[in-house]
Amino acid sequence: MAGGKASAKRGRWNLAHLTAVDDVDGARALFNVSRVRADYGLDSTAGLTFTDRAQGERRNTVLAADTRYVFGKLYFLRGQIGGSRTDDGVSVRNAPVWLAEFDRTGRAWGFNYRITGIGPDFESAAGYVPRTDVVDAHATNRVSFYGAPGRTLEQLTFFAGPSFLWSYGDFASRRPTESGLEMHGNASFRGGWRLEGRVERNTLHYAPGTFDGHTTSTPAGTRPYVPEEVPGAWELTVEASTPAFKAFDAEVELARATVPLFDEGSRGRETAASAGLNLRAGGSVRVAARVTLSRLTRIRDGTEFARALIPRLKIEYQPRRSLFVRAVAEYQAQRRDVLRDARTGLPLSIGGVPSARDDANRLRADLLLSFEPTPGTVAFLGYGAGLDNGDRFAFDALAREADGFFLKLAYRFRR
């Protein structure tokens, strides 16, 4: 509904605070986000982040400290430790969050080793945390080769390394739920042409309880469903892109993979393709178009499990430096088959209810108007709408399900 932000810098200290009030599900929610950061050494920093959201009897607070220490010009160490506290008026839940990272950024050789842990009850109501109850680790190594000036091949870079993911409570005591090995190479050619390729091998072990409530029919009657393990899934991806010409640039990506079909616990194959085109006209108009198609089939019998077609269009118009207009539209046409037993092909039931086919056809449109008369002084006016429930490409049948306006004003004080 309304909010404000303030920031300041004095010497090696940086401070920022945001307060906002919103109406969520008919109840008033108060957000507070604060950040304090101090610079030390040549390029090193240390900081403290605090977020808080209060809505009725429910309150969520997150506090975390972090540091980034740069040394030897090419290396840095990064660490974070913190936690969340969630009080819903009935119970209080606390959960940790932590991170450790070691990185070398060199011209010919580099690496990045990182491990992140997020507790099972961690919650950040004022932010976005896509997945909790995990420990995620990877070790990526990079080597680069450079061609002589004027050669067709200007640069060739390879990345390789393993990745692992555990449930938080299983870390260091059980095998990873997911693991993988990735090899990635990209080549840059004279004039700006690029070619990339990636090969991955992934292994998935479903965590206990993942398919609780799923049942399947057998000659002996209804039994709890046991998913099919995915001991080794391969993925091959190839991507090519053009230089950024004055009027346009383009890219295309193709992928073929064996993948786990998470919803029904079976093995599948994915064929995916995407293409993007960016157009520039007269220096004031930019158009970006992209379309993505993905199709999943079951390895067992080749039947289709799911399909998604997602076209996206973005148009930007900037008649002068201070005025900017953007319109974005994305359409999603998706379908998913009835969930089936990985071994028999019979439909699965969830909680005693037979699974059903799932079709989704959504359109999302967003408009933004930006006015910046002087650097630091800016006004944003935006509108977004979501439409749903239509048949594929039957745009006249789409019904508006959600929309919203926002206004942001910022003024920079100068001394």
Protein backbone atom coordinates (compact mmCIF):
# COMPACT_ATOMS: atom_id res chain seq x y z
CA MET A 1 0.00 0.00 0.00
CA ALA A 2 2.78 2.43 0.94
CA GLY A 3 6.44 2.47 1.85
CA GLY A 4 9.62 4.48 2.11
CA LYS A 5 13.37 3.94 1.84
CA ALA A 6 16.32 5.87 3.18
CA SER A 7 20.04 5.33 2.64
CA ALA A 8 23.21 7.10 3.69
CA LYS A 9 26.97 6.75 3.37
CA ARG A 10 29.55 8.25 5.68
CA GLY A 11 33.18 7.27 5.44
CA ARG A 12 33.44 3.50 5.39
CA TRP A 13 29.87 3.02 6.65
CA ASN A 14 26.79 2.38 4.50
CA LEU A 15 23.30 2.34 5.99
CA ALA A 16 19.91 1.62 4.41
CA HIS A 17 16.41 1.13 5.78
CA LEU A 18 13.05 0.33 4.18
CA THR A 19 9.61 0.39 5.79
CA ALA A 20 6.46 -0.68 3.96
CA VAL A 21 2.82 -1.34 4.84
CA ASP A 22 0.82 -3.78 2.72
CA ASP A 23 -2.63 -5.34 2.75
CA VAL A 24 -2.19 -9.12 2.55
CA ASP A 25 -5.27 -11.38 2.63
CA GLY A 26 -7.32 -8.60 4.18
CA ALA A 27 -4.90 -7.92 7.05
CA ARG A 28 -2.35 -5.13 7.44
CA ALA A 29 1.30 -6.24 7.25
CA LEU A 30 4.23 -4.08 8.37
CA PHE A 31 7.65 -4.71 6.81
CA ASN A 32 11.01 -3.41 8.04
CA VAL A 33 14.34 -4.11 6.35
CA SER A 34 17.65 -2.67 7.59
CA ARG A 35 21.19 -3.10 6.33
CA VAL A 36 24.47 -1.84 7.81
CA ARG A 37 27.74 -2.41 5.96
CA ALA A 38 31.30 -1.37 6.71
CA ASP A 39 34.26 -1.38 4.32
CA TYR A 40 37.65 -2.56 5.54
CA GLY A 41 40.97 -3.30 3.91
CA LEU A 42 41.16 -2.63 0.19
CA ASP A 43 37.94 -4.24 -1.08
CA SER A 44 36.59 -6.17 1.91
CA THR A 45 33.24 -5.64 3.62
CA ALA A 46 31.31 -6.75 6.71
CA GLY A 47 27.61 -6.28 7.23
CA LEU A 48 24.51 -6.95 9.30
CA THR A 49 21.03 -7.47 7.84
CA PHE A 50 17.75 -7.31 9.78
CA THR A 51 14.27 -8.01 8.38
CA ASP A 52 10.96 -8.06 10.22
CA ARG A 53 7.37 -8.60 9.22
CA ALA A 54 4.41 -8.32 11.58
CA GLN A 55 0.86 -9.22 10.60
CA GLY A 56 -1.73 -9.76 13.30
CA GLU A 57 -0.39 -12.25 15.84
CA ARG A 58 2.20 -13.54 13.42
CA ARG A 59 5.74 -12.15 13.38
CA ASN A 60 8.83 -13.19 11.46
CA THR A 61 12.31 -11.82 12.14
CA VAL A 62 15.60 -12.60 10.38
CA LEU A 63 19.03 -11.46 11.54
CA ALA A 64 22.25 -12.33 9.69
CA ALA A 65 25.88 -11.19 9.71
CA ASP A 66 28.16 -11.53 6.71
CA THR A 67 31.67 -10.71 5.56
CA ARG A 68 33.65 -10.76 2.32
CA TYR A 69 37.43 -10.74 2.73
CA VAL A 70 39.54 -10.08 -0.38
CA PHE A 71 43.22 -10.99 -0.43
CA GLY A 72 46.03 -11.68 -2.88
CA LYS A 73 44.18 -9.63 -5.53
CA LEU A 74 42.59 -12.81 -6.95
CA TYR A 75 41.00 -14.48 -3.91
CA PHE A 76 38.10 -13.85 -1.58
CA LEU A 77 36.48 -15.62 1.35
CA ARG A 78 32.82 -15.04 2.09
CA GLY A 79 30.85 -16.13 5.10
CA GLN A 80 27.39 -15.64 6.50
CA ILE A 81 25.67 -16.79 9.67
CA GLY A 82 22.21 -15.97 10.90
CA GLY A 83 18.78 -17.28 11.69
CA SER A 84 15.06 -16.69 11.64
CA ARG A 85 12.44 -16.56 14.39
CA THR A 86 8.78 -17.12 13.52
CA ASP A 87 6.02 -16.62 16.09
CA ASP A 88 2.50 -17.41 14.89
CA GLY A 89 0.83 -16.87 18.27
CA VAL A 90 0.72 -20.61 18.96
CA SER A 91 4.34 -21.72 18.63
CA VAL A 92 7.78 -20.22 18.07
CA ARG A 93 10.14 -21.71 15.47
CA ASN A 94 13.83 -20.90 15.13
CA ALA A 95 16.08 -21.99 12.25
CA PRO A 96 19.64 -21.26 11.11
CA VAL A 97 21.11 -20.05 7.84
CA TRP A 98 24.82 -20.13 7.00
CA LEU A 99 27.18 -19.93 4.05
CA ALA A 100 30.90 -20.38 3.35
CA GLU A 101 32.57 -19.58 0.02
CA PHE A 102 36.13 -19.56 -1.35
CA ASP A 103 36.80 -18.07 -4.78
CA ARG A 104 39.72 -17.41 -7.10
CA THR A 105 39.08 -15.03 -10.00
CA GLY A 106 42.05 -15.34 -12.34
CA ARG A 107 42.38 -14.72 -16.05
CA ALA A 108 43.51 -18.24 -16.98
CA TRP A 109 42.48 -20.26 -13.94
CA GLY A 110 39.87 -19.86 -11.25
CA PHE A 111 37.52 -21.73 -8.97
CA ASN A 112 34.48 -21.29 -6.75
CA TYR A 113 33.79 -23.58 -3.79
CA ARG A 114 30.60 -22.87 -1.82
CA ILE A 115 28.36 -24.54 0.73
CA THR A 116 25.04 -23.16 1.97
CA GLY A 117 22.80 -24.43 4.76
CA ILE A 118 19.16 -23.41 5.38
CA GLY A 119 17.30 -25.01 8.30
CA PRO A 120 13.95 -26.78 7.92
CA ASP A 121 11.93 -24.07 9.72
CA PHE A 122 13.77 -21.12 8.22
CA GLU A 123 11.45 -18.42 6.97
CA SER A 124 12.07 -14.99 5.51
CA ALA A 125 8.65 -13.34 5.24
CA ALA A 126 10.18 -10.07 4.03
CA GLY A 127 12.34 -11.74 1.36
CA TYR A 128 12.52 -14.64 -1.05
CA VAL A 129 14.02 -18.02 -0.11
CA PRO A 130 13.07 -20.59 -2.78
CA ARG A 131 13.97 -23.72 -0.81
CA THR A 132 14.54 -24.57 2.85
CA ASP A 133 15.69 -27.67 4.74
CA VAL A 134 18.73 -28.07 2.48
CA VAL A 135 22.50 -28.07 2.47
CA ASP A 136 23.76 -27.22 -1.02
CA ALA A 137 27.43 -27.51 -2.02
CA HIS A 138 29.41 -27.21 -5.24
CA ALA A 139 33.04 -27.08 -6.35
CA THR A 140 33.48 -25.45 -9.75
CA ASN A 141 36.87 -25.12 -11.49
CA ARG A 142 37.59 -22.98 -14.55
CA VAL A 143 40.42 -22.83 -17.09
CA SER A 144 40.62 -20.38 -20.02
CA PHE A 145 42.72 -20.24 -23.18
CA TYR A 146 43.17 -17.15 -25.33
CA GLY A 147 43.87 -16.97 -29.04
CA ALA A 148 46.43 -14.67 -30.61
CA PRO A 149 45.15 -11.26 -31.79
CA GLY A 150 43.29 -11.55 -35.09
CA ARG A 151 42.64 -15.31 -34.81
CA THR A 152 39.17 -16.71 -35.46
CA LEU A 153 38.97 -18.29 -31.99
CA GLU A 154 39.49 -15.57 -29.39
CA GLN A 155 38.74 -17.44 -26.14
CA LEU A 156 37.96 -20.98 -25.03
CA THR A 157 36.81 -21.61 -21.45
CA PHE A 158 35.97 -24.84 -19.63
CA PHE A 159 34.12 -25.28 -16.33
CA ALA A 160 33.85 -28.57 -14.44
CA GLY A 161 32.93 -29.72 -10.98
CA PRO A 162 30.55 -31.68 -8.75
CA SER A 163 27.48 -30.52 -6.84
CA PHE A 164 25.64 -32.07 -3.88
CA LEU A 165 22.37 -31.47 -2.07
CA TRP A 166 21.27 -32.92 1.28
CA SER A 167 18.24 -32.54 3.48
CA TYR A 168 19.43 -30.36 6.35
CA GLY A 169 19.20 -33.10 8.99
CA ASP A 170 21.00 -35.63 6.77
CA PHE A 171 24.07 -33.52 6.07
CA ALA A 172 27.30 -35.39 6.89
CA SER A 173 25.34 -38.47 8.04
CA ARG A 174 23.63 -39.77 4.87
CA ARG A 175 24.28 -39.75 1.15
CA PRO A 176 23.15 -36.66 -0.76
CA THR A 177 19.56 -36.54 -1.97
CA GLU A 178 20.84 -35.09 -5.25
CA SER A 179 24.32 -35.06 -6.77
CA GLY A 180 25.73 -34.13 -10.12
CA LEU A 181 28.79 -33.54 -12.26
CA GLU A 182 28.81 -30.73 -14.82
CA MET A 183 31.22 -30.02 -17.68
CA HIS A 184 30.64 -26.76 -19.48
CA GLY A 185 32.56 -25.13 -22.31
CA ASN A 186 32.12 -21.91 -24.25
CA ALA A 187 33.96 -20.45 -27.20
CA SER A 188 34.13 -16.83 -28.33
CA PHE A 189 34.91 -16.08 -31.96
CA ARG A 190 36.06 -12.98 -33.79
CA GLY A 191 33.25 -10.51 -34.25
CA GLY A 192 31.30 -11.55 -31.13
CA TRP A 193 29.92 -14.95 -32.15
CA ARG A 194 29.56 -17.43 -29.27
CA LEU A 195 29.03 -21.18 -28.97
CA GLU A 196 28.38 -23.01 -25.69
CA GLY A 197 27.94 -26.64 -24.73
CA ARG A 198 27.14 -28.34 -21.43
CA VAL A 199 27.07 -31.97 -20.31
CA GLU A 200 25.66 -32.96 -16.93
CA ARG A 201 25.17 -36.20 -15.06
CA ASN A 202 22.78 -36.07 -12.10
CA THR A 203 21.65 -38.60 -9.52
CA LEU A 204 18.46 -38.33 -7.45
CA HIS A 205 17.43 -40.23 -4.33
CA TYR A 206 13.96 -39.32 -3.06
CA ALA A 207 13.92 -38.30 0.59
CA PRO A 208 11.86 -40.50 2.95
CA GLY A 209 8.25 -39.35 3.05
CA THR A 210 8.30 -37.65 -0.35
CA PHE A 211 5.44 -39.82 -1.64
CA ASP A 212 3.53 -40.32 1.59
CA GLY A 213 -0.16 -40.47 0.74
CA HIS A 214 0.45 -41.76 -2.81
CA THR A 215 -1.08 -45.17 -3.52
CA THR A 216 -1.17 -47.50 -6.51
CA SER A 217 -3.33 -50.44 -7.52
CA THR A 218 -1.89 -53.96 -7.61
CA PRO A 219 -3.44 -57.44 -8.07
CA ALA A 220 -3.31 -57.73 -4.28
CA GLY A 221 -5.11 -54.42 -3.75
CA THR A 222 -4.12 -50.82 -3.06
CA ARG A 223 -0.55 -50.37 -1.84
CA PRO A 224 1.65 -47.41 -0.84
CA TYR A 225 3.51 -46.13 -3.88
CA VAL A 226 7.28 -46.62 -4.13
CA PRO A 227 8.95 -44.20 -6.59
CA GLU A 228 11.53 -45.22 -9.16
CA GLU A 229 15.10 -44.18 -8.34
CA VAL A 230 17.08 -42.14 -10.88
CA PRO A 231 20.67 -43.41 -10.51
CA GLY A 232 22.10 -41.44 -13.44
CA ALA A 233 20.48 -38.80 -15.63
CA TRP A 234 22.36 -37.20 -18.52
CA GLU A 235 21.76 -33.79 -20.06
CA LEU A 236 23.27 -32.24 -23.19
CA THR A 237 22.74 -28.56 -23.99
CA VAL A 238 24.02 -26.54 -26.96
CA GLU A 239 23.61 -22.77 -27.30
CA ALA A 240 24.68 -20.36 -30.04
CA SER A 241 24.43 -16.56 -30.12
CA THR A 242 25.16 -13.83 -32.64
CA PRO A 243 27.14 -10.64 -32.06
CA ALA A 244 25.26 -7.56 -30.86
CA PHE A 245 24.67 -5.95 -34.25
CA LYS A 246 23.40 -2.39 -34.41
CA ALA A 247 19.83 -3.46 -35.18
CA PHE A 248 19.57 -6.90 -33.56
CA ASP A 249 21.10 -9.90 -31.81
CA ALA A 250 19.77 -13.44 -31.43
CA GLU A 251 20.37 -16.74 -29.65
CA VAL A 252 19.08 -20.30 -29.80
CA GLU A 253 19.39 -23.17 -27.30
CA LEU A 254 18.65 -26.89 -27.67
CA ALA A 255 18.63 -29.46 -24.85
CA ARG A 256 18.10 -33.21 -24.55
CA ALA A 257 18.11 -34.95 -21.19
CA THR A 258 17.00 -37.87 -19.08
CA VAL A 259 15.28 -36.39 -16.05
CA PRO A 260 13.30 -37.42 -12.98
CA LEU A 261 9.57 -36.78 -13.28
CA PHE A 262 9.25 -35.49 -9.73
CA ASP A 263 5.45 -35.46 -9.52
CA GLU A 264 5.08 -39.19 -10.16
CA GLY A 265 8.53 -40.49 -9.15
CA SER A 266 9.49 -41.96 -12.51
CA ARG A 267 12.17 -41.53 -15.16
CA GLY A 268 11.62 -39.39 -18.20
CA ARG A 269 13.20 -37.64 -21.16
CA GLU A 270 13.09 -33.93 -21.85
CA THR A 271 13.44 -32.22 -25.20
CA ALA A 272 13.64 -28.44 -24.92
CA ALA A 273 14.29 -25.58 -27.28
CA SER A 274 14.32 -21.82 -26.85
CA ALA A 275 15.08 -18.89 -29.13
CA GLY A 276 15.45 -15.19 -28.45
CA LEU A 277 15.60 -12.12 -30.66
CA ASN A 278 16.44 -8.55 -29.58
CA LEU A 279 15.61 -5.68 -31.94
CA ARG A 280 16.73 -2.05 -31.69
CA ALA A 281 15.13 0.71 -33.74
CA GLY A 282 16.22 4.32 -33.86
CA GLY A 283 17.97 4.23 -30.51
CA SER A 284 14.72 4.75 -28.58
CA VAL A 285 12.79 1.50 -29.18
CA ARG A 286 13.89 -1.94 -28.04
CA VAL A 287 11.96 -5.17 -28.53
CA ALA A 288 12.91 -8.51 -26.95
CA ALA A 289 11.06 -11.67 -27.93
CA ARG A 290 11.65 -15.19 -26.60
CA VAL A 291 9.85 -18.49 -26.93
CA THR A 292 10.55 -21.66 -24.93
CA LEU A 293 9.18 -25.14 -25.60
CA SER A 294 9.69 -28.15 -23.32
CA ARG A 295 8.28 -31.66 -23.64
CA LEU A 296 8.63 -34.46 -21.09
CA THR A 297 7.97 -38.10 -21.99
CA ARG A 298 8.10 -41.27 -19.91
CA ILE A 299 11.01 -43.61 -20.60
CA ARG A 300 8.77 -46.55 -19.72
CA ASP A 301 6.48 -46.26 -22.74
CA GLY A 302 7.22 -42.96 -24.50
CA THR A 303 3.91 -41.35 -23.52
CA GLU A 304 3.81 -37.62 -22.88
CA PHE A 305 4.00 -36.57 -19.24
CA ALA A 306 4.02 -32.79 -19.64
CA ARG A 307 4.46 -30.00 -22.16
CA ALA A 308 5.03 -26.26 -21.79
CA LEU A 309 5.03 -23.47 -24.36
CA ILE A 310 6.07 -20.02 -23.04
CA PRO A 311 6.32 -17.02 -25.39
CA ARG A 312 7.47 -13.70 -23.88
CA LEU A 313 7.54 -10.20 -25.36
CA LYS A 314 9.12 -7.05 -23.90
CA ILE A 315 8.89 -3.60 -25.49
CA GLU A 316 10.83 -0.58 -24.22
CA TYR A 317 10.49 3.00 -25.39
CA GLN A 318 12.76 5.85 -24.24
CA PRO A 319 12.03 9.06 -26.16
CA ARG A 320 14.45 11.03 -23.98
CA ARG A 321 16.89 10.32 -21.19
CA SER A 322 14.47 11.20 -18.37
CA LEU A 323 11.44 9.22 -19.63
CA PHE A 324 11.21 5.44 -19.97
CA VAL A 325 8.26 3.12 -20.72
CA ARG A 326 8.29 -0.69 -20.56
CA ALA A 327 5.61 -3.28 -21.36
CA VAL A 328 6.09 -7.01 -20.73
CA ALA A 329 3.72 -9.86 -21.59
CA GLU A 330 4.31 -13.57 -20.94
CA TYR A 331 1.95 -16.39 -21.84
CA GLN A 332 2.18 -19.91 -20.38
CA ALA A 333 0.40 -22.86 -21.97
CA GLN A 334 1.14 -25.94 -19.89
CA ARG A 335 -0.36 -29.39 -19.53
CA ARG A 336 0.45 -32.42 -17.39
CA ASP A 337 -0.90 -35.95 -17.68
CA VAL A 338 -2.51 -37.99 -14.93
CA LEU A 339 0.16 -39.26 -12.52
CA ARG A 340 0.97 -42.91 -13.20
CA ASP A 341 2.81 -45.78 -11.53
CA ALA A 342 6.40 -45.87 -12.83
CA ARG A 343 6.24 -49.66 -13.24
CA THR A 344 2.67 -50.53 -14.25
CA GLY A 345 1.43 -47.31 -15.83
CA LEU A 346 -1.77 -47.37 -13.75
CA PRO A 347 -3.01 -44.03 -12.37
CA LEU A 348 -1.87 -43.00 -8.91
CA SER A 349 -4.08 -41.77 -6.10
CA ILE A 350 -3.14 -39.06 -3.62
CA GLY A 351 -4.86 -39.14 -0.26
CA GLY A 352 -7.33 -41.65 -1.69
CA VAL A 353 -8.27 -39.35 -4.58
CA PRO A 354 -7.29 -40.39 -8.14
CA SER A 355 -4.84 -37.92 -9.69
CA ALA A 356 -6.19 -35.76 -12.49
CA ARG A 357 -4.82 -34.13 -15.61
CA ASP A 358 -3.60 -30.58 -15.00
CA ASP A 359 -3.85 -27.84 -17.63
CA ALA A 360 -2.74 -24.26 -17.03
CA ASN A 361 -3.01 -21.32 -19.41
CA ARG A 362 -1.90 -18.01 -17.97
CA LEU A 363 -1.13 -14.54 -19.27
CA ARG A 364 0.90 -12.02 -17.27
CA ALA A 365 1.17 -8.39 -18.34
CA ASP A 366 3.19 -5.61 -16.67
CA LEU A 367 3.53 -1.91 -17.49
CA LEU A 368 6.13 0.48 -16.09
CA LEU A 369 6.55 4.24 -16.47
CA SER A 370 9.76 5.82 -15.17
CA PHE A 371 10.54 9.51 -14.91
CA GLU A 372 14.02 10.62 -13.75
CA PRO A 373 14.51 14.36 -14.20
CA THR A 374 17.85 14.35 -12.35
CA PRO A 375 20.10 11.47 -11.23
CA GLY A 376 18.76 10.06 -7.94
CA THR A 377 15.35 11.73 -8.23
CA VAL A 378 12.91 9.32 -9.81
CA ALA A 379 9.23 8.37 -9.98
CA PHE A 380 8.02 4.88 -10.91
CA LEU A 381 4.41 4.07 -11.79
CA GLY A 382 3.54 0.47 -12.54
CA TYR A 383 0.61 -1.86 -13.18
CA GLY A 384 0.53 -5.65 -13.39
CA ALA A 385 -2.26 -8.12 -14.14
CA GLY A 386 -2.55 -11.91 -14.17
CA LEU A 387 -5.16 -13.72 -16.26
CA ASP A 388 -5.99 -17.44 -16.13
CA ASN A 389 -8.42 -20.28 -16.87
CA GLY A 390 -8.62 -20.05 -20.63
CA ASP A 391 -8.11 -22.82 -23.19
CA ARG A 392 -4.82 -22.78 -25.09
CA PHE A 393 -4.51 -19.52 -27.04
CA ALA A 394 -8.19 -18.73 -26.38
CA PHE A 395 -7.37 -15.25 -25.15
CA ASP A 396 -11.01 -14.14 -25.15
CA ALA A 397 -11.72 -16.76 -22.45
CA LEU A 398 -9.02 -15.54 -20.06
CA ALA A 399 -10.32 -14.11 -16.80
CA ARG A 400 -8.45 -11.56 -14.69
CA GLU A 401 -7.43 -13.15 -11.40
CA ALA A 402 -5.11 -10.56 -9.85
CA ASP A 403 -3.82 -7.09 -10.56
CA GLY A 404 -2.00 -4.34 -8.75
CA PHE A 405 -0.59 -0.83 -8.97
CA PHE A 406 2.56 0.52 -7.43
CA LEU A 407 4.10 3.96 -7.08
CA LYS A 408 7.66 4.69 -6.00
CA LEU A 409 9.14 8.13 -5.39
CA ALA A 410 12.81 8.78 -4.59
CA TYR A 411 14.66 12.02 -4.00
CA ARG A 412 18.38 12.36 -3.52
CA PHE A 413 19.51 15.07 -1.09
CA ARG A 414 22.75 16.80 -2.00
CA ARG A 415 24.95 18.92 0.19
